[in-house]
């Protein structure tokens, strides 16, 4: 399975590309914003394509040609304004979903926020609410897109070394999870078709990742 990683230069994306290199079932294609970023991914044997999420649907769809799945792990980042939240986390996600349909790619994995329900938007702080709202509507768009989707809602992301063990369910208590483990959860989801049409929250736990994802 060839996988287009959108947001490959992010921290989750980099872990994902490095893990795919060791997979016998998966092959990576990294979507990056600048050619200067390419060497990192080429060192892992990944094909690269330079596309900005603020470009048009046809450009993104061209990047998705020849792949079997798309992972959307892009984000505007904590230090950008509401404008980038809209353009990347919402519009960029929706354009990628539309691009998957144009390119004929059915499998789509979305890395979302921990809780994107309507209640979470209302409960969020004024500075965080636009991000939650963007993720909410991107998730809803994906669920209506007739794709083989999986939506992953990770807890508070850290740069700690992964434990390889998580707690995953439709709803879990809010907690932390290393980005490294989120990348491994993505791989387990790609390799398990029973995750199609499902969304789940995931945090650090005591169950090995494959076993946890198998039970979703």
N, C-alpha and C. Protein backbone atom coordinates (compact mmCIF):
# COMPACT_ATOMS: atom_id res chain seq x y z
N UNK A 1 0.83 -1.19 0.00
CA UNK A 1 0.00 0.00 0.00
C UNK A 1 0.87 1.25 0.00
N UNK A 2 0.69 2.10 -1.00
CA UNK A 2 1.44 3.35 -1.07
C UNK A 2 0.64 4.44 -0.38
N UNK A 3 1.30 5.16 0.53
CA UNK A 3 0.61 6.12 1.40
C UNK A 3 1.15 7.52 1.18
N UNK A 4 0.26 8.45 0.84
CA UNK A 4 0.63 9.87 0.77
C UNK A 4 0.48 10.47 2.16
N UNK A 5 1.57 10.96 2.71
CA UNK A 5 1.55 11.59 4.03
C UNK A 5 1.50 13.10 3.84
N UNK A 6 0.35 13.68 4.14
CA UNK A 6 0.16 15.13 4.02
C UNK A 6 0.55 15.75 5.36
N UNK A 7 1.49 16.66 5.32
CA UNK A 7 2.07 17.17 6.56
C UNK A 7 3.26 16.33 6.99
N UNK A 8 3.96 15.78 6.01
CA UNK A 8 5.06 14.86 6.30
C UNK A 8 6.18 15.50 7.10
N UNK A 9 6.36 16.81 6.95
CA UNK A 9 7.47 17.46 7.65
C UNK A 9 7.13 17.81 9.10
N UNK A 10 5.90 17.54 9.51
CA UNK A 10 5.55 17.70 10.91
C UNK A 10 6.14 16.57 11.74
N UNK A 11 6.02 16.69 13.05
CA UNK A 11 6.69 15.71 13.92
C UNK A 11 6.05 14.33 13.82
N UNK A 12 4.72 14.27 13.76
CA UNK A 12 4.07 12.97 13.58
C UNK A 12 4.43 12.41 12.20
N UNK A 13 4.39 13.28 11.19
CA UNK A 13 4.69 12.86 9.82
C UNK A 13 6.08 12.27 9.68
N UNK A 14 7.06 12.88 10.32
CA UNK A 14 8.43 12.36 10.24
C UNK A 14 8.54 10.99 10.89
N UNK A 15 7.91 10.82 12.06
CA UNK A 15 7.91 9.50 12.68
C UNK A 15 7.25 8.48 11.76
N UNK A 16 6.13 8.87 11.16
CA UNK A 16 5.38 7.95 10.31
C UNK A 16 6.22 7.50 9.12
N UNK A 17 6.88 8.44 8.46
CA UNK A 17 7.72 8.09 7.32
C UNK A 17 8.83 7.12 7.75
N UNK A 18 9.44 7.38 8.89
CA UNK A 18 10.54 6.52 9.34
C UNK A 18 10.04 5.11 9.66
N UNK A 19 8.83 4.99 10.21
CA UNK A 19 8.29 3.67 10.54
C UNK A 19 7.83 2.93 9.28
N UNK A 20 7.30 3.65 8.33
CA UNK A 20 6.86 3.01 7.08
C UNK A 20 8.05 2.34 6.39
N UNK A 21 9.22 2.94 6.52
CA UNK A 21 10.43 2.36 5.91
C UNK A 21 10.64 0.92 6.37
N UNK A 22 10.25 0.63 7.61
CA UNK A 22 10.46 -0.71 8.17
C UNK A 22 9.27 -1.64 7.96
N UNK A 23 8.23 -1.13 7.29
CA UNK A 23 7.03 -1.95 7.07
C UNK A 23 7.14 -2.73 5.77
N UNK A 24 6.72 -3.97 5.81
CA UNK A 24 6.72 -4.80 4.60
C UNK A 24 5.47 -4.54 3.75
N UNK A 25 4.46 -3.89 4.35
CA UNK A 25 3.19 -3.70 3.66
C UNK A 25 3.00 -2.29 3.11
N UNK A 26 3.77 -1.33 3.60
CA UNK A 26 3.53 0.07 3.28
C UNK A 26 4.72 0.72 2.58
N UNK A 27 4.39 1.71 1.75
CA UNK A 27 5.39 2.51 1.04
C UNK A 27 4.97 3.98 1.19
N UNK A 28 5.92 4.86 1.41
CA UNK A 28 5.60 6.25 1.71
C UNK A 28 5.85 7.20 0.55
N UNK A 29 4.96 8.18 0.44
CA UNK A 29 5.14 9.33 -0.43
C UNK A 29 4.92 10.56 0.45
N UNK A 30 5.93 11.40 0.58
CA UNK A 30 5.87 12.53 1.49
C UNK A 30 5.47 13.81 0.75
N UNK A 31 4.38 14.44 1.21
CA UNK A 31 3.98 15.73 0.66
C UNK A 31 4.54 16.82 1.55
N UNK A 32 5.42 17.65 0.97
CA UNK A 32 6.14 18.68 1.71
C UNK A 32 5.93 20.04 1.05
N UNK A 33 6.22 21.09 1.81
CA UNK A 33 6.00 22.45 1.29
C UNK A 33 7.20 23.00 0.55
N UNK A 34 8.41 22.55 0.91
CA UNK A 34 9.62 23.11 0.33
C UNK A 34 10.57 22.00 -0.11
N UNK A 35 11.21 22.19 -1.25
CA UNK A 35 12.15 21.20 -1.76
C UNK A 35 13.30 20.97 -0.79
N UNK A 36 13.63 22.00 0.00
CA UNK A 36 14.73 21.88 0.96
C UNK A 36 14.46 20.79 2.00
N UNK A 37 13.20 20.43 2.19
CA UNK A 37 12.84 19.41 3.18
C UNK A 37 13.01 17.99 2.63
N UNK A 38 13.25 17.85 1.34
CA UNK A 38 13.18 16.54 0.69
C UNK A 38 14.24 15.56 1.16
N UNK A 39 15.43 16.02 1.48
CA UNK A 39 16.53 15.10 1.77
C UNK A 39 16.22 14.19 2.96
N UNK A 40 15.55 14.71 3.97
CA UNK A 40 15.20 13.90 5.14
C UNK A 40 14.41 12.66 4.72
N UNK A 41 13.44 12.86 3.85
CA UNK A 41 12.55 11.76 3.46
C UNK A 41 13.21 10.84 2.44
N UNK A 42 14.04 11.41 1.58
CA UNK A 42 14.76 10.58 0.62
C UNK A 42 15.72 9.64 1.32
N UNK A 43 16.24 10.06 2.47
CA UNK A 43 17.11 9.19 3.25
C UNK A 43 16.38 7.96 3.77
N UNK A 44 15.06 8.07 3.87
CA UNK A 44 14.23 6.93 4.30
C UNK A 44 13.63 6.21 3.10
N UNK A 45 14.07 6.56 1.91
CA UNK A 45 13.59 5.89 0.71
C UNK A 45 12.21 6.31 0.28
N UNK A 46 11.73 7.45 0.78
CA UNK A 46 10.38 7.90 0.44
C UNK A 46 10.40 8.84 -0.76
N UNK A 47 9.45 8.66 -1.63
CA UNK A 47 9.23 9.61 -2.72
C UNK A 47 8.72 10.92 -2.12
N UNK A 48 9.06 12.05 -2.72
CA UNK A 48 8.58 13.33 -2.22
C UNK A 48 7.85 14.10 -3.32
N UNK A 49 6.91 14.94 -2.90
CA UNK A 49 6.21 15.82 -3.82
C UNK A 49 6.00 17.16 -3.10
N UNK A 50 6.31 18.25 -3.79
CA UNK A 50 6.24 19.57 -3.17
C UNK A 50 4.90 20.22 -3.52
N UNK A 51 4.05 20.36 -2.50
CA UNK A 51 2.73 20.96 -2.66
C UNK A 51 2.40 21.73 -1.38
N UNK A 52 1.84 22.92 -1.54
CA UNK A 52 1.35 23.70 -0.41
C UNK A 52 -0.15 23.46 -0.28
N UNK A 53 -0.63 23.24 0.93
CA UNK A 53 -2.05 22.98 1.14
C UNK A 53 -2.94 24.15 0.76
N UNK A 54 -2.35 25.32 0.58
CA UNK A 54 -3.15 26.47 0.15
C UNK A 54 -3.27 26.54 -1.37
N UNK A 55 -2.66 25.57 -2.07
CA UNK A 55 -2.85 25.48 -3.51
C UNK A 55 -4.20 24.83 -3.82
N UNK A 56 -4.52 24.70 -5.11
CA UNK A 56 -5.86 24.26 -5.48
C UNK A 56 -6.01 22.74 -5.42
N UNK A 57 -7.25 22.29 -5.56
CA UNK A 57 -7.58 20.88 -5.43
C UNK A 57 -6.85 20.04 -6.49
N UNK A 58 -6.81 20.52 -7.72
CA UNK A 58 -6.16 19.75 -8.78
C UNK A 58 -4.68 19.51 -8.48
N UNK A 59 -4.02 20.50 -7.90
CA UNK A 59 -2.60 20.34 -7.56
C UNK A 59 -2.41 19.29 -6.49
N UNK A 60 -3.26 19.32 -5.47
CA UNK A 60 -3.18 18.30 -4.41
C UNK A 60 -3.54 16.93 -4.96
N UNK A 61 -4.56 16.89 -5.83
CA UNK A 61 -4.97 15.61 -6.42
C UNK A 61 -3.86 15.00 -7.25
N UNK A 62 -3.09 15.83 -7.93
CA UNK A 62 -1.96 15.32 -8.72
C UNK A 62 -0.93 14.66 -7.81
N UNK A 63 -0.73 15.24 -6.62
CA UNK A 63 0.20 14.65 -5.66
C UNK A 63 -0.30 13.28 -5.18
N UNK A 64 -1.62 13.10 -5.20
CA UNK A 64 -2.22 11.85 -4.72
C UNK A 64 -2.31 10.78 -5.80
N UNK A 65 -1.92 11.08 -7.00
CA UNK A 65 -2.00 10.09 -8.07
C UNK A 65 -1.08 8.90 -7.75
N UNK A 66 -1.61 7.71 -7.94
CA UNK A 66 -0.80 6.51 -7.78
C UNK A 66 -0.66 6.01 -6.36
N UNK A 67 -1.37 6.63 -5.40
CA UNK A 67 -1.29 6.14 -4.03
C UNK A 67 -2.57 5.39 -3.68
N UNK A 68 -2.49 4.60 -2.62
CA UNK A 68 -3.63 3.78 -2.18
C UNK A 68 -4.31 4.36 -0.96
N UNK A 69 -3.62 5.25 -0.25
CA UNK A 69 -4.18 5.83 0.98
C UNK A 69 -3.57 7.20 1.20
N UNK A 70 -4.32 8.04 1.93
CA UNK A 70 -3.84 9.37 2.32
C UNK A 70 -3.93 9.48 3.83
N UNK A 71 -2.87 9.98 4.44
CA UNK A 71 -2.88 10.32 5.87
C UNK A 71 -2.76 11.83 5.97
N UNK A 72 -3.75 12.47 6.60
CA UNK A 72 -3.70 13.91 6.79
C UNK A 72 -3.22 14.19 8.21
N UNK A 73 -1.94 14.57 8.32
CA UNK A 73 -1.37 14.88 9.63
C UNK A 73 -0.88 16.32 9.69
N UNK A 74 -1.33 17.14 8.74
CA UNK A 74 -0.89 18.53 8.68
C UNK A 74 -1.60 19.37 9.74
N UNK A 75 -0.96 20.45 10.12
CA UNK A 75 -1.56 21.39 11.07
C UNK A 75 -0.90 22.75 10.93
N UNK A 76 -1.66 23.77 11.25
CA UNK A 76 -1.14 25.14 11.10
C UNK A 76 -0.11 25.48 12.17
N UNK A 77 -0.14 24.74 13.29
CA UNK A 77 0.82 25.01 14.35
C UNK A 77 0.26 25.92 15.42
N UNK A 78 0.88 25.85 16.58
CA UNK A 78 0.37 26.58 17.75
C UNK A 78 0.63 28.08 17.70
N UNK A 79 1.54 28.50 16.84
CA UNK A 79 1.95 29.91 16.85
C UNK A 79 1.44 30.69 15.65
N UNK A 80 0.47 30.15 14.94
CA UNK A 80 -0.12 30.86 13.81
C UNK A 80 -1.47 31.43 14.21
N UNK A 81 -1.99 32.31 13.37
CA UNK A 81 -3.26 32.95 13.68
C UNK A 81 -4.45 32.16 13.20
N UNK A 82 -5.65 32.73 13.45
CA UNK A 82 -6.89 32.07 13.05
C UNK A 82 -6.96 31.89 11.54
N UNK A 83 -6.31 32.80 10.79
CA UNK A 83 -6.36 32.69 9.33
C UNK A 83 -5.72 31.38 8.87
N UNK A 84 -4.57 31.03 9.42
CA UNK A 84 -3.90 29.78 9.03
C UNK A 84 -4.67 28.57 9.54
N UNK A 85 -5.31 28.69 10.69
CA UNK A 85 -6.14 27.60 11.19
C UNK A 85 -7.24 27.27 10.18
N UNK A 86 -7.86 28.30 9.63
CA UNK A 86 -8.91 28.11 8.63
C UNK A 86 -8.32 27.54 7.34
N UNK A 87 -7.20 28.10 6.88
CA UNK A 87 -6.65 27.74 5.57
C UNK A 87 -6.00 26.36 5.56
N UNK A 88 -5.46 25.91 6.69
CA UNK A 88 -4.77 24.61 6.74
C UNK A 88 -5.63 23.54 7.40
N UNK A 89 -6.03 23.77 8.64
CA UNK A 89 -6.73 22.74 9.40
C UNK A 89 -8.15 22.49 8.90
N UNK A 90 -8.76 23.49 8.30
CA UNK A 90 -10.10 23.30 7.74
C UNK A 90 -10.07 23.20 6.22
N UNK A 91 -9.72 24.28 5.55
CA UNK A 91 -9.78 24.27 4.09
C UNK A 91 -8.76 23.30 3.50
N UNK A 92 -7.57 23.24 4.07
CA UNK A 92 -6.57 22.30 3.58
C UNK A 92 -7.03 20.87 3.72
N UNK A 93 -7.68 20.57 4.85
CA UNK A 93 -8.19 19.21 5.07
C UNK A 93 -9.31 18.89 4.08
N UNK A 94 -10.24 19.82 3.90
CA UNK A 94 -11.36 19.59 2.99
C UNK A 94 -10.86 19.44 1.55
N UNK A 95 -9.92 20.27 1.15
CA UNK A 95 -9.36 20.14 -0.20
C UNK A 95 -8.66 18.80 -0.40
N UNK A 96 -8.00 18.32 0.64
CA UNK A 96 -7.34 17.01 0.54
C UNK A 96 -8.37 15.90 0.41
N UNK A 97 -9.46 16.00 1.15
CA UNK A 97 -10.56 15.03 1.02
C UNK A 97 -11.11 15.06 -0.40
N UNK A 98 -11.36 16.25 -0.93
CA UNK A 98 -11.86 16.37 -2.29
C UNK A 98 -10.84 15.85 -3.30
N UNK A 99 -9.57 16.09 -3.02
CA UNK A 99 -8.50 15.62 -3.91
C UNK A 99 -8.44 14.10 -3.94
N UNK A 100 -8.69 13.47 -2.80
CA UNK A 100 -8.71 12.01 -2.75
C UNK A 100 -9.78 11.48 -3.70
N UNK A 101 -10.93 12.11 -3.72
CA UNK A 101 -12.01 11.67 -4.60
C UNK A 101 -11.62 11.88 -6.07
N UNK A 102 -10.99 13.01 -6.37
CA UNK A 102 -10.55 13.29 -7.74
C UNK A 102 -9.52 12.25 -8.19
N UNK A 103 -8.60 11.89 -7.30
CA UNK A 103 -7.52 10.96 -7.63
C UNK A 103 -7.94 9.50 -7.52
N UNK A 104 -9.16 9.25 -7.04
CA UNK A 104 -9.63 7.89 -6.91
C UNK A 104 -9.02 7.13 -5.74
N UNK A 105 -8.65 7.85 -4.69
CA UNK A 105 -8.08 7.23 -3.50
C UNK A 105 -9.17 7.08 -2.45
N UNK A 106 -9.47 5.84 -2.05
CA UNK A 106 -10.57 5.61 -1.12
C UNK A 106 -10.17 5.66 0.36
N UNK A 107 -8.95 5.21 0.67
CA UNK A 107 -8.55 5.11 2.08
C UNK A 107 -8.02 6.44 2.57
N UNK A 108 -8.55 6.91 3.70
CA UNK A 108 -8.18 8.23 4.21
C UNK A 108 -8.13 8.18 5.73
N UNK A 109 -7.00 8.56 6.28
CA UNK A 109 -6.85 8.63 7.73
C UNK A 109 -6.63 10.08 8.14
N UNK A 110 -7.47 10.56 9.04
CA UNK A 110 -7.41 11.93 9.54
C UNK A 110 -6.87 11.95 10.96
N UNK A 111 -5.82 12.75 11.18
CA UNK A 111 -5.35 13.01 12.54
C UNK A 111 -6.06 14.26 13.01
N UNK A 112 -6.95 14.09 13.95
CA UNK A 112 -7.80 15.18 14.40
C UNK A 112 -7.33 15.69 15.76
N UNK A 113 -8.20 16.43 16.43
CA UNK A 113 -7.95 16.87 17.80
C UNK A 113 -8.63 15.88 18.74
N UNK A 114 -8.29 15.91 20.01
CA UNK A 114 -8.76 14.91 20.96
C UNK A 114 -10.29 14.85 21.02
N UNK A 115 -10.92 16.01 21.05
CA UNK A 115 -12.39 16.06 21.13
C UNK A 115 -12.87 17.15 20.19
N UNK A 116 -13.59 16.77 19.16
CA UNK A 116 -14.08 17.75 18.17
C UNK A 116 -15.60 17.81 18.15
N UNK A 117 -16.24 17.32 19.20
CA UNK A 117 -17.68 17.41 19.27
C UNK A 117 -18.12 18.85 19.48
N UNK A 118 -19.36 19.14 19.12
CA UNK A 118 -19.89 20.50 19.27
C UNK A 118 -19.68 21.03 20.68
N UNK A 119 -19.86 20.16 21.68
CA UNK A 119 -19.69 20.59 23.07
C UNK A 119 -18.26 21.04 23.36
N UNK A 120 -17.31 20.42 22.67
CA UNK A 120 -15.91 20.77 22.88
C UNK A 120 -15.59 22.17 22.35
N UNK A 121 -16.25 22.54 21.25
CA UNK A 121 -16.07 23.89 20.71
C UNK A 121 -16.56 24.91 21.72
N UNK A 122 -17.75 24.66 22.28
CA UNK A 122 -18.34 25.61 23.23
C UNK A 122 -17.53 25.70 24.51
N UNK A 123 -16.88 24.59 24.89
CA UNK A 123 -16.13 24.57 26.14
C UNK A 123 -14.70 25.10 25.99
N UNK A 124 -14.21 25.21 24.77
CA UNK A 124 -12.82 25.60 24.54
C UNK A 124 -12.59 27.08 24.87
N UNK A 125 -11.34 27.40 25.18
CA UNK A 125 -10.98 28.80 25.42
C UNK A 125 -11.11 29.58 24.11
N UNK A 126 -11.26 30.91 24.18
CA UNK A 126 -11.40 31.71 22.96
C UNK A 126 -10.25 31.51 21.97
N UNK A 127 -9.05 31.28 22.48
CA UNK A 127 -7.90 31.12 21.58
C UNK A 127 -7.87 29.74 20.93
N UNK A 128 -8.45 28.73 21.61
CA UNK A 128 -8.40 27.35 21.11
C UNK A 128 -9.65 26.96 20.32
N UNK A 129 -10.74 27.66 20.56
CA UNK A 129 -12.01 27.30 19.93
C UNK A 129 -11.96 27.28 18.40
N UNK A 130 -11.27 28.25 17.74
CA UNK A 130 -11.22 28.19 16.27
C UNK A 130 -10.57 26.92 15.74
N UNK A 131 -9.56 26.43 16.44
CA UNK A 131 -8.90 25.19 16.03
C UNK A 131 -9.85 24.00 16.18
N UNK A 132 -10.54 23.93 17.32
CA UNK A 132 -11.48 22.83 17.54
C UNK A 132 -12.60 22.87 16.50
N UNK A 133 -13.09 24.08 16.21
CA UNK A 133 -14.14 24.23 15.21
C UNK A 133 -13.66 23.78 13.83
N UNK A 134 -12.44 24.16 13.47
CA UNK A 134 -11.88 23.75 12.17
C UNK A 134 -11.81 22.23 12.08
N UNK A 135 -11.33 21.61 13.14
CA UNK A 135 -11.22 20.15 13.15
C UNK A 135 -12.60 19.49 13.13
N UNK A 136 -13.55 20.08 13.83
CA UNK A 136 -14.92 19.55 13.85
C UNK A 136 -15.49 19.47 12.45
N UNK A 137 -15.39 20.57 11.72
CA UNK A 137 -16.01 20.60 10.40
C UNK A 137 -15.22 19.76 9.38
N UNK A 138 -13.91 19.69 9.54
CA UNK A 138 -13.12 18.82 8.66
C UNK A 138 -13.50 17.36 8.90
N UNK A 139 -13.66 16.98 10.16
CA UNK A 139 -14.08 15.61 10.47
C UNK A 139 -15.45 15.30 9.89
N UNK A 140 -16.37 16.24 10.05
CA UNK A 140 -17.73 16.03 9.54
C UNK A 140 -17.73 15.92 8.02
N UNK A 141 -16.92 16.72 7.36
CA UNK A 141 -16.81 16.66 5.90
C UNK A 141 -16.33 15.27 5.48
N UNK A 142 -15.30 14.77 6.17
CA UNK A 142 -14.75 13.46 5.84
C UNK A 142 -15.79 12.37 6.00
N UNK A 143 -16.58 12.44 7.06
CA UNK A 143 -17.59 11.40 7.31
C UNK A 143 -18.68 11.37 6.24
N UNK A 144 -18.84 12.49 5.54
CA UNK A 144 -19.86 12.55 4.49
C UNK A 144 -19.29 12.35 3.09
N UNK A 145 -18.01 12.03 2.99
CA UNK A 145 -17.32 12.05 1.69
C UNK A 145 -17.32 10.72 0.95
N UNK A 146 -17.93 9.68 1.50
CA UNK A 146 -17.96 8.37 0.87
C UNK A 146 -16.55 7.83 0.63
N UNK A 147 -15.68 8.00 1.62
CA UNK A 147 -14.34 7.44 1.60
C UNK A 147 -14.22 6.40 2.71
N UNK A 148 -13.21 5.56 2.60
CA UNK A 148 -12.93 4.58 3.66
C UNK A 148 -12.08 5.27 4.72
N UNK A 149 -12.75 5.98 5.60
CA UNK A 149 -12.04 6.87 6.53
C UNK A 149 -11.80 6.21 7.88
N UNK A 150 -10.77 6.72 8.55
CA UNK A 150 -10.56 6.49 9.97
C UNK A 150 -10.15 7.84 10.56
N UNK A 151 -10.78 8.24 11.66
CA UNK A 151 -10.44 9.51 12.31
C UNK A 151 -9.82 9.18 13.67
N UNK A 152 -8.59 9.63 13.85
CA UNK A 152 -7.84 9.37 15.08
C UNK A 152 -7.79 10.65 15.90
N UNK A 153 -8.22 10.55 17.16
CA UNK A 153 -8.25 11.70 18.07
C UNK A 153 -7.20 11.49 19.17
N UNK A 154 -5.96 11.93 18.96
CA UNK A 154 -4.94 11.71 19.99
C UNK A 154 -5.07 12.68 21.16
N UNK A 155 -4.60 12.23 22.32
CA UNK A 155 -4.55 13.09 23.49
C UNK A 155 -3.48 14.16 23.35
N UNK A 156 -3.10 14.76 24.46
CA UNK A 156 -2.09 15.83 24.45
C UNK A 156 -0.77 15.27 23.93
N UNK A 157 -0.29 15.84 22.84
CA UNK A 157 0.91 15.31 22.18
C UNK A 157 2.18 15.72 22.91
N UNK A 158 3.09 14.76 23.05
CA UNK A 158 4.39 15.04 23.65
C UNK A 158 5.49 14.51 22.74
N UNK A 159 6.71 14.93 23.03
CA UNK A 159 7.88 14.43 22.30
C UNK A 159 8.61 13.35 23.08
N UNK A 160 7.95 12.77 24.07
CA UNK A 160 8.55 11.67 24.83
C UNK A 160 8.75 10.46 23.91
N UNK A 161 9.65 9.59 24.29
CA UNK A 161 9.82 8.33 23.57
C UNK A 161 8.54 7.51 23.70
N UNK A 162 8.14 6.91 22.60
CA UNK A 162 6.93 6.09 22.62
C UNK A 162 7.07 4.87 23.50
N UNK A 163 5.96 4.44 24.07
CA UNK A 163 5.94 3.25 24.90
C UNK A 163 5.47 2.03 24.11
N UNK A 164 4.80 2.28 22.97
CA UNK A 164 4.23 1.18 22.21
C UNK A 164 2.95 0.64 22.80
N UNK A 165 2.44 1.32 23.84
CA UNK A 165 1.21 0.88 24.49
C UNK A 165 0.24 2.05 24.64
N UNK A 166 -1.03 1.80 24.38
CA UNK A 166 -2.03 2.87 24.37
C UNK A 166 -3.33 2.39 24.99
N UNK A 167 -4.22 3.35 25.17
CA UNK A 167 -5.63 3.08 25.48
C UNK A 167 -6.43 3.74 24.37
N UNK A 168 -7.25 2.97 23.68
CA UNK A 168 -7.99 3.49 22.53
C UNK A 168 -9.44 3.02 22.61
N UNK A 169 -10.36 3.97 22.41
CA UNK A 169 -11.78 3.67 22.42
C UNK A 169 -12.51 4.88 21.86
N UNK A 170 -13.82 4.75 21.69
CA UNK A 170 -14.59 5.89 21.18
C UNK A 170 -14.48 7.08 22.12
N UNK A 171 -14.30 6.79 23.43
CA UNK A 171 -14.11 7.86 24.40
C UNK A 171 -13.23 7.35 25.53
N UNK A 172 -12.15 8.09 25.81
CA UNK A 172 -11.25 7.75 26.91
C UNK A 172 -10.99 9.02 27.72
N UNK A 173 -10.44 8.85 28.91
CA UNK A 173 -10.08 10.02 29.71
C UNK A 173 -8.94 10.78 29.04
N UNK A 174 -9.00 12.09 29.11
CA UNK A 174 -7.97 12.93 28.49
C UNK A 174 -6.62 12.66 29.16
N UNK A 175 -5.59 12.45 28.35
CA UNK A 175 -4.24 12.20 28.86
C UNK A 175 -3.25 12.46 27.73
N UNK A 176 -1.97 12.23 28.00
CA UNK A 176 -0.93 12.49 27.01
C UNK A 176 -0.69 11.27 26.13
N UNK A 177 -0.02 11.51 25.02
CA UNK A 177 0.47 10.43 24.16
C UNK A 177 1.66 10.96 23.35
N UNK A 178 2.76 10.21 23.29
CA UNK A 178 3.90 10.64 22.47
C UNK A 178 3.54 10.62 20.98
N UNK A 179 4.07 11.59 20.26
CA UNK A 179 3.83 11.63 18.81
C UNK A 179 4.31 10.35 18.13
N UNK A 180 5.36 9.78 18.65
CA UNK A 180 5.89 8.54 18.10
C UNK A 180 4.83 7.43 18.14
N UNK A 181 4.09 7.36 19.24
CA UNK A 181 3.04 6.34 19.36
C UNK A 181 1.85 6.65 18.45
N UNK A 182 1.56 7.94 18.23
CA UNK A 182 0.49 8.29 17.29
C UNK A 182 0.85 7.78 15.90
N UNK A 183 2.10 7.93 15.51
CA UNK A 183 2.54 7.43 14.20
C UNK A 183 2.35 5.91 14.11
N UNK A 184 2.65 5.20 15.18
CA UNK A 184 2.47 3.75 15.17
C UNK A 184 0.98 3.37 15.13
N UNK A 185 0.15 4.19 15.76
CA UNK A 185 -1.30 3.97 15.70
C UNK A 185 -1.79 4.14 14.25
N UNK A 186 -1.25 5.12 13.55
CA UNK A 186 -1.61 5.32 12.14
C UNK A 186 -1.28 4.07 11.33
N UNK A 187 -0.08 3.55 11.52
CA UNK A 187 0.33 2.35 10.77
C UNK A 187 -0.59 1.18 11.10
N UNK A 188 -0.89 0.99 12.37
CA UNK A 188 -1.78 -0.11 12.76
C UNK A 188 -3.16 0.07 12.14
N UNK A 189 -3.62 1.31 12.02
CA UNK A 189 -4.93 1.59 11.42
C UNK A 189 -4.92 1.33 9.93
N UNK A 190 -3.82 1.71 9.27
CA UNK A 190 -3.70 1.44 7.83
C UNK A 190 -3.70 -0.06 7.54
N UNK A 191 -3.13 -0.84 8.44
CA UNK A 191 -2.98 -2.27 8.22
C UNK A 191 -4.19 -3.07 8.69
N UNK A 192 -5.20 -2.38 9.25
CA UNK A 192 -6.37 -3.08 9.78
C UNK A 192 -7.64 -2.46 9.21
N UNK A 193 -8.27 -3.15 8.28
CA UNK A 193 -9.47 -2.63 7.62
C UNK A 193 -10.67 -2.51 8.55
N UNK A 194 -10.60 -3.12 9.73
CA UNK A 194 -11.74 -2.98 10.66
C UNK A 194 -11.83 -1.57 11.24
N UNK A 195 -10.80 -0.76 11.03
CA UNK A 195 -10.86 0.64 11.49
C UNK A 195 -11.59 1.54 10.50
N UNK A 196 -11.93 1.03 9.33
CA UNK A 196 -12.62 1.83 8.32
C UNK A 196 -14.01 2.22 8.84
N UNK A 197 -14.33 3.50 8.68
CA UNK A 197 -15.62 4.01 9.11
C UNK A 197 -15.71 4.28 10.60
N UNK A 198 -14.56 4.31 11.26
CA UNK A 198 -14.55 4.50 12.72
C UNK A 198 -13.71 5.70 13.11
N UNK A 199 -14.00 6.23 14.29
CA UNK A 199 -13.16 7.26 14.90
C UNK A 199 -12.98 6.90 16.36
N UNK A 200 -11.81 7.24 16.89
CA UNK A 200 -11.52 6.87 18.27
C UNK A 200 -10.51 7.82 18.89
N UNK A 201 -10.59 7.93 20.21
CA UNK A 201 -9.61 8.68 20.98
C UNK A 201 -8.51 7.72 21.41
N UNK A 202 -7.29 8.24 21.53
CA UNK A 202 -6.18 7.38 21.92
C UNK A 202 -5.19 8.15 22.79
N UNK A 203 -4.78 7.53 23.89
CA UNK A 203 -3.81 8.11 24.82
C UNK A 203 -2.86 6.98 25.25
N UNK A 204 -1.83 7.35 25.97
CA UNK A 204 -0.92 6.34 26.51
C UNK A 204 -1.69 5.40 27.44
N UNK A 205 -1.39 4.12 27.33
CA UNK A 205 -2.09 3.13 28.15
C UNK A 205 -1.23 1.92 28.42
N UNK A 206 -1.87 0.77 28.54
CA UNK A 206 -1.16 -0.46 28.91
C UNK A 206 -1.32 -1.56 27.86
N UNK A 207 -2.04 -1.28 26.79
CA UNK A 207 -2.31 -2.30 25.77
C UNK A 207 -1.40 -2.08 24.56
N UNK A 208 -0.70 -3.10 24.08
CA UNK A 208 0.12 -2.94 22.88
C UNK A 208 -0.71 -2.36 21.73
N UNK A 209 -0.08 -1.49 20.94
CA UNK A 209 -0.82 -0.73 19.92
C UNK A 209 -1.61 -1.61 18.99
N UNK A 210 -1.00 -2.65 18.43
CA UNK A 210 -1.72 -3.49 17.48
C UNK A 210 -2.96 -4.10 18.12
N UNK A 211 -2.81 -4.58 19.35
CA UNK A 211 -3.92 -5.19 20.05
C UNK A 211 -5.02 -4.17 20.32
N UNK A 212 -4.62 -2.96 20.70
CA UNK A 212 -5.61 -1.90 20.98
C UNK A 212 -6.40 -1.53 19.73
N UNK A 213 -5.70 -1.42 18.62
CA UNK A 213 -6.37 -1.04 17.36
C UNK A 213 -7.21 -2.19 16.84
N UNK A 214 -6.77 -3.41 17.03
CA UNK A 214 -7.56 -4.57 16.61
C UNK A 214 -8.90 -4.62 17.32
N UNK A 215 -8.96 -4.04 18.53
CA UNK A 215 -10.18 -4.12 19.33
C UNK A 215 -11.12 -2.94 19.14
N UNK A 216 -10.72 -1.99 18.26
CA UNK A 216 -11.57 -0.80 18.03
C UNK A 216 -12.89 -1.21 17.39
